Every structure is written in C-alpha cells, then in structure tokens.
Amino acid sequence: MLRRAAEKPDPERHGLRVVHLPFQIHPEIPPGGIEAGPRQGPMYAALEREAAQAGLPLNWPARLPDTRAALAASAWVRQHRPDVSDEFNRRLFAAHFALGEDLGDTAVIDRKAKELDIDLDALRAALADGSALASLTEAEALGARFGVRSTPSWLISGKLVAGLLPPSEFERLAESAMRQSR
C-alpha cells in the first residue's frame, strides 16, 4: 500500500479505474490536534516494514492533526483539478508522514497546492465558503454507504476491502474483478 502511494498509479493496468476519495477516520480530533502516543503493535510494524521496503521515509508525527481542511482541499482538488489530484494527495501524505508537517495548518495545504499550480484563491474561497467541505461530506457519505470505517479502503467489484494488503493480494483482487466484469 505505501509502495503504491509512492508510485504514480496506473489505473488502466487491469482495466480498472481508481478514484481516491478523502474520508476522515477520526473526526473527534479537535483543532490543534492531539498527542499521538506510542505507535506499537502489529499494524504499526507492518506499516513500517512496507515503508522501508518501498524506500519511503516514515516518521510518525508526535501529534495527530485535525485533517478536515486538508481532506476538504483534497476533495475540492479532485473535482476542480483532477489532473493533479493524485499528486496533491501524495504530497499531503508525504508532508504528514515523511516531513512531519501539520496538515491542520492551512499554510501546509497552501504550499502543496501552490507547488502544483492549483489556483490558491479559488481553493481558499472554497474552503472559506464551505463548498470544499461539502465535497468532503459527499465523499464521506458515499464511503459510509459502502461501510468504510478505516483507511485505506477500496471498493472492488462491489466488495469493500480494508487495510494494508500485500501487493500480490491487490493483483489477485484486480484480476478477479476483471474476470467478473467479462
């Protein structure tokens, strides 16, 4: 999964279309974030192993930010600049997990948007007037309708698949989806 985040996705590889939708898993995190605490256990070990295998830096931040604005920006960019949406998401991911930047800070969002020539005035206006948040709410409602409760999650041939899976499992699921569609 982390390896896939580092690579430019090839949605046509199996004839499938990948649509990234933002989904806030921890809406209880307040503005300013919360202390994260230790990252221990099998899930964290698997994430660290996958990141190392992919050559990705993984620096657990000390605080978990309120990501609502970043997710709303992601939803807005997906609708208004689909040509850079995946790259915007990768840069937000790297800002948080590699660079330790606070995704609750709008300056971080602005900087990542500016790097991709996203119209900052339009993005800021959408964040201010609530239209970006409405896009996020719509994406989250869609996810909730399909039972999304964690990230990452994928809907493949009507089946919800959640969690970190080995690349071979994604290959198997994609091939199965293609067989079902024939």
Protein backbone atom coordinates (compact mmCIF):
# COMPACT_ATOMS: atom_id res chain seq x y z
CA MET A 1 0.00 0.00 0.00
CA LEU A 2 2.71 2.51 0.92
CA ARG A 3 4.69 1.41 -2.11
CA ARG A 4 1.65 2.21 -4.25
CA ALA A 5 1.38 5.65 -2.63
CA ALA A 6 4.96 6.38 -3.71
CA GLU A 7 4.41 5.30 -7.30
CA LYS A 8 2.36 7.01 -9.92
CA PRO A 9 -0.70 4.76 -10.13
CA ASP A 10 -1.60 3.04 -13.38
CA PRO A 11 -5.38 2.69 -13.15
CA GLU A 12 -5.58 1.16 -16.62
CA ARG A 13 -3.27 -1.74 -15.78
CA HIS A 14 -6.15 -4.12 -15.14
CA GLY A 15 -8.78 -2.04 -16.88
CA LEU A 16 -9.92 -0.64 -13.54
CA ARG A 17 -10.45 2.98 -12.63
CA VAL A 18 -9.13 4.16 -9.27
CA VAL A 19 -10.89 7.11 -7.66
CA HIS A 20 -9.37 8.44 -4.45
CA LEU A 21 -11.95 9.83 -2.07
CA PRO A 22 -11.00 11.55 1.18
CA PHE A 23 -12.54 10.13 4.34
CA GLN A 24 -11.89 11.41 7.86
CA ILE A 25 -11.49 8.46 10.19
CA HIS A 26 -11.02 10.48 13.39
CA PRO A 27 -13.47 13.40 13.33
CA GLU A 28 -13.09 13.68 17.11
CA ILE A 29 -9.62 15.22 16.77
CA PRO A 30 -10.01 18.90 17.72
CA PRO A 31 -8.38 21.89 16.04
CA GLY A 32 -4.75 21.92 17.08
CA GLY A 33 -4.62 18.13 17.11
CA ILE A 34 -3.88 15.69 19.92
CA GLU A 35 -0.84 13.89 21.24
CA ALA A 36 -0.38 10.66 19.30
CA GLY A 37 1.23 8.45 21.90
CA PRO A 38 3.40 5.44 21.08
CA ARG A 39 2.96 3.57 17.80
CA GLN A 40 3.25 -0.07 18.77
CA GLY A 41 1.76 -3.34 17.64
CA PRO A 42 1.41 -5.43 14.51
CA MET A 43 -0.32 -2.75 12.40
CA TYR A 44 2.46 -0.22 13.00
CA ALA A 45 5.15 -2.83 12.44
CA ALA A 46 3.54 -3.78 9.10
CA LEU A 47 3.34 -0.14 8.02
CA GLU A 48 6.97 0.46 8.96
CA ARG A 49 8.08 -2.69 7.13
CA GLU A 50 6.12 -1.73 3.99
CA ALA A 51 7.52 1.81 4.05
CA ALA A 52 11.08 0.50 4.41
CA GLN A 53 10.58 -1.95 1.52
CA ALA A 54 9.28 0.89 -0.64
CA GLY A 55 12.15 3.17 0.33
CA LEU A 56 9.72 5.66 1.86
CA PRO A 57 10.57 7.67 4.93
CA LEU A 58 8.02 7.10 7.67
CA ASN A 59 8.29 9.46 10.60
CA TRP A 60 5.37 9.11 12.98
CA PRO A 61 4.36 12.63 14.00
CA ALA A 62 4.12 13.38 17.72
CA ARG A 63 0.67 14.91 17.20
CA LEU A 64 -2.33 13.80 15.18
CA PRO A 65 -3.64 16.87 13.35
CA ASP A 66 -7.20 17.87 12.61
CA THR A 67 -7.12 16.98 8.91
CA ARG A 68 -10.59 18.28 8.00
CA ALA A 69 -9.30 21.24 5.94
CA ALA A 70 -6.68 19.09 4.16
CA LEU A 71 -9.31 16.48 3.30
CA ALA A 72 -11.72 19.17 2.12
CA ALA A 73 -8.94 20.62 -0.05
CA SER A 74 -8.29 17.13 -1.45
CA ALA A 75 -11.99 16.71 -2.30
CA TRP A 76 -12.07 20.10 -3.99
CA VAL A 77 -8.88 19.45 -5.97
CA ARG A 78 -10.26 16.08 -7.14
CA GLN A 79 -13.28 17.87 -8.62
CA HIS A 80 -11.60 21.01 -9.96
CA ARG A 81 -8.08 19.85 -10.86
CA PRO A 82 -8.34 16.09 -11.46
CA ASP A 83 -5.11 16.25 -13.47
CA VAL A 84 -3.11 16.90 -10.27
CA SER A 85 -5.39 15.31 -7.67
CA ASP A 86 -3.34 12.14 -7.13
CA GLU A 87 -0.11 14.13 -6.88
CA PHE A 88 -1.71 16.57 -4.43
CA ASN A 89 -2.73 13.62 -2.23
CA ARG A 90 0.78 12.14 -2.43
CA ARG A 91 2.27 15.44 -1.37
CA LEU A 92 -0.11 15.78 1.57
CA PHE A 93 0.74 12.19 2.55
CA ALA A 94 4.47 12.95 2.37
CA ALA A 95 4.02 16.21 4.28
CA HIS A 96 2.47 14.32 7.18
CA PHE A 97 4.34 11.00 7.22
CA ALA A 98 7.75 11.93 5.82
CA LEU A 99 8.24 15.59 6.67
CA GLY A 100 6.31 15.81 9.93
CA GLU A 101 4.30 18.79 8.75
CA ASP A 102 0.97 19.62 10.39
CA LEU A 103 -1.90 19.00 7.96
CA GLY A 104 -4.07 21.09 10.27
CA ASP A 105 -2.03 24.13 9.24
CA THR A 106 -3.55 25.78 6.16
CA ALA A 107 -0.10 27.09 5.21
CA VAL A 108 0.96 23.48 4.55
CA ILE A 109 -2.11 22.91 2.36
CA ASP A 110 -1.47 26.16 0.51
CA ARG A 111 2.19 25.28 -0.08
CA LYS A 112 1.34 21.85 -1.52
CA ALA A 113 -1.35 23.38 -3.73
CA LYS A 114 0.99 26.12 -4.95
CA GLU A 115 3.64 23.52 -5.86
CA LEU A 116 1.10 22.10 -8.35
CA ASP A 117 -0.15 25.45 -9.68
CA ILE A 118 -3.56 24.97 -8.10
CA ASP A 119 -5.47 28.24 -8.02
CA LEU A 120 -4.95 29.25 -4.37
CA ASP A 121 -7.58 31.98 -4.46
CA ALA A 122 -10.21 29.53 -5.69
CA LEU A 123 -9.15 26.84 -3.21
CA ARG A 124 -9.13 29.27 -0.29
CA ALA A 125 -12.55 30.59 -1.33
CA ALA A 126 -13.93 27.04 -1.47
CA LEU A 127 -12.53 26.31 2.00
CA ALA A 128 -13.96 29.60 3.33
CA ASP A 129 -17.44 29.32 1.80
CA GLY A 130 -17.92 25.68 2.73
CA SER A 131 -18.09 24.25 -0.79
CA ALA A 132 -14.87 22.26 -0.32
CA LEU A 133 -16.26 20.90 2.95
CA ALA A 134 -19.49 19.97 1.15
CA SER A 135 -17.43 17.96 -1.37
CA LEU A 136 -15.71 16.16 1.51
CA THR A 137 -19.03 15.46 3.23
CA GLU A 138 -20.37 13.98 -0.01
CA ALA A 139 -17.31 11.72 -0.38
CA GLU A 140 -17.60 10.59 3.24
CA ALA A 141 -21.31 9.85 2.85
CA LEU A 142 -20.51 7.69 -0.15
CA GLY A 143 -17.85 5.84 1.83
CA ALA A 144 -20.18 5.37 4.79
CA ARG A 145 -22.88 3.99 2.48
CA PHE A 146 -20.45 1.25 1.45
CA GLY A 147 -19.32 0.58 5.03
CA VAL A 148 -15.97 2.37 5.10
CA ARG A 149 -14.70 2.60 8.66
CA SER A 150 -10.95 2.71 8.11
CA THR A 151 -8.31 3.84 5.69
CA PRO A 152 -7.15 2.64 3.38
CA SER A 153 -10.31 1.06 1.98
CA TRP A 154 -11.19 0.08 -1.55
CA LEU A 155 -14.42 -0.91 -3.24
CA ILE A 156 -13.58 -3.61 -5.76
CA SER A 157 -16.43 -5.22 -7.70
CA GLY A 158 -18.90 -4.21 -5.02
CA LYS A 159 -16.79 -5.70 -2.20
CA LEU A 160 -15.26 -3.50 0.49
CA VAL A 161 -11.59 -4.28 1.07
CA ALA A 162 -9.94 -2.56 4.03
CA GLY A 163 -6.47 -2.47 5.49
CA LEU A 164 -2.90 -2.97 4.46
CA LEU A 165 -2.68 -5.85 2.00
CA PRO A 166 0.32 -7.29 0.18
CA PRO A 167 0.66 -6.19 -3.45
CA SER A 168 0.01 -9.79 -4.56
CA GLU A 169 -3.43 -9.61 -2.91
CA PHE A 170 -4.27 -6.45 -4.85
CA GLU A 171 -3.20 -8.21 -8.05
CA ARG A 172 -5.46 -11.14 -7.21
CA LEU A 173 -8.41 -8.84 -6.41
CA ALA A 174 -7.91 -6.84 -9.62
CA GLU A 175 -7.72 -9.98 -11.74
CA SER A 176 -10.85 -11.34 -10.05
CA ALA A 177 -12.69 -8.06 -10.70
CA MET A 178 -11.74 -8.19 -14.36
CA ARG A 179 -12.97 -11.79 -14.68
CA GLN A 180 -16.28 -10.80 -13.07
CA SER A 181 -16.76 -7.88 -15.44
CA ARG A 182 -16.39 -10.04 -18.56
